[in-house]
Protein backbone atom coordinates (compact mmCIF):
# COMPACT_ATOMS: atom_id res chain seq x y z
CA MET A 1 15.09 16.82 -5.00
CA SER A 2 15.96 13.95 -2.68
CA LYS A 3 16.03 10.29 -3.63
CA ASN A 4 12.83 8.33 -3.07
CA PRO A 5 12.80 6.13 0.05
CA SER A 6 13.14 2.38 -0.28
CA HIS A 7 10.07 0.19 0.00
CA LYS A 8 12.00 -3.08 -0.25
CA SER A 9 10.88 -4.05 3.25
CA HIS A 10 7.43 -4.65 1.76
CA ILE A 11 8.62 -7.24 -0.77
CA SER A 12 8.03 -10.19 1.58
CA ARG A 13 4.47 -9.00 2.26
CA ILE A 14 3.88 -8.54 -1.46
CA ASN A 15 5.17 -12.05 -2.15
CA ARG A 16 2.87 -13.41 0.55
CA ALA A 17 -0.11 -11.60 -1.00
CA ILE A 18 0.81 -12.99 -4.42
CA GLY A 19 0.86 -16.46 -2.89
CA GLN A 20 -2.56 -15.85 -1.38
CA LEU A 21 -3.90 -14.71 -4.75
CA GLU A 22 -2.52 -17.85 -6.39
CA ALA A 23 -4.26 -19.91 -3.69
CA ILE A 24 -7.53 -18.11 -4.42
CA LYS A 25 -7.10 -18.83 -8.12
CA ARG A 26 -6.61 -22.54 -7.34
CA MET A 27 -9.63 -22.53 -5.03
CA ILE A 28 -11.78 -21.08 -7.80
CA GLN A 29 -10.44 -23.56 -10.35
CA GLU A 30 -11.15 -26.41 -7.93
CA GLU A 31 -14.64 -25.00 -7.27
CA GLU A 32 -14.17 -24.76 -3.53
CA TYR A 33 -16.83 -23.41 -1.20
CA CYS A 34 -17.70 -19.72 -1.72
CA ILE A 35 -17.23 -18.71 1.90
CA ASP A 36 -13.77 -20.27 2.01
CA ILE A 37 -12.79 -18.33 -1.12
CA MET A 38 -14.21 -15.10 0.28
CA SER A 39 -12.28 -15.64 3.50
CA GLN A 40 -9.05 -15.81 1.52
CA VAL A 41 -10.03 -12.73 -0.51
CA ARG A 42 -10.50 -10.80 2.74
CA ALA A 43 -7.05 -11.93 3.88
CA VAL A 44 -5.52 -10.58 0.66
CA ARG A 45 -7.35 -7.27 1.08
CA SER A 46 -5.97 -7.00 4.59
CA ALA A 47 -2.46 -7.81 3.39
CA VAL A 48 -2.62 -5.18 0.63
CA LYS A 49 -3.96 -2.61 3.09
CA THR A 50 -1.00 -3.31 5.39
CA ILE A 51 1.40 -2.79 2.47
CA GLU A 52 -0.40 0.40 1.46
CA LEU A 53 -0.28 1.85 4.97
CA GLY A 54 3.39 0.98 5.31
CA ILE A 55 4.22 2.79 2.09
CA LEU A 56 2.14 5.79 3.16
CA GLU A 57 3.91 5.84 6.52
CA THR A 58 7.28 5.82 4.75
CA HIS A 59 6.12 8.62 2.46
CA VAL A 60 4.98 10.79 5.35
CA SER A 61 8.05 10.16 7.49
CA ASN A 62 10.47 10.69 4.60
CA CYS A 63 9.09 12.61 1.62
CA LEU A 64 6.73 14.88 3.54
CA ALA A 65 9.19 15.33 6.41
CA ASP A 66 11.95 16.27 3.95
CA ALA A 67 9.68 18.83 2.28
CA CYS A 68 8.80 20.34 5.65
CA ALA A 69 12.44 20.45 6.76
CA SER A 70 13.46 22.18 3.54
CA ASN A 71 11.48 25.31 4.43
CA ASN A 72 10.26 25.25 0.83
CA GLU A 73 6.61 26.23 1.18
CA ALA A 74 5.72 25.10 -2.36
CA ALA A 75 7.24 21.66 -1.76
CA LYS A 76 5.31 21.27 1.51
CA GLU A 77 2.04 22.27 -0.13
CA ARG A 78 2.70 19.92 -3.07
CA ARG A 79 3.36 16.93 -0.80
CA LEU A 80 0.29 17.64 1.32
CA ALA A 81 -1.86 18.08 -1.79
CA GLU A 82 -0.65 14.72 -3.11
CA ILE A 83 -1.71 12.97 0.09
CA ILE A 84 -5.07 14.73 0.19
CA GLN A 85 -5.76 13.87 -3.47
CA LEU A 86 -4.81 10.24 -2.84
CA LEU A 87 -7.12 10.01 0.18
CA LYS A 88 -10.01 11.57 -1.77
CA LYS A 89 -9.77 8.71 -4.28
CA TYR A 90 -10.82 6.31 -1.53
CA GLU A 91 -14.26 7.90 -1.16
């Protein structure tokens, strides 16, 4: 089995999202206006979604592509099933 791909390129986005969460925490502690807090929450959700999609893209272009290139039918089916199961969790 091949080595997992690196996701280190997402670290800066993760750090930014952590910073946004800390800012939300401060806003709540300082009892700031609800809409301003919600706006920041939406920004964090967007940031996490971007990270998630980037990791999925890496998975498809590396892990799934490797399984398909290996001509190992069981490996291909396993990788596809993993993605399908993950996507079903979003419903």
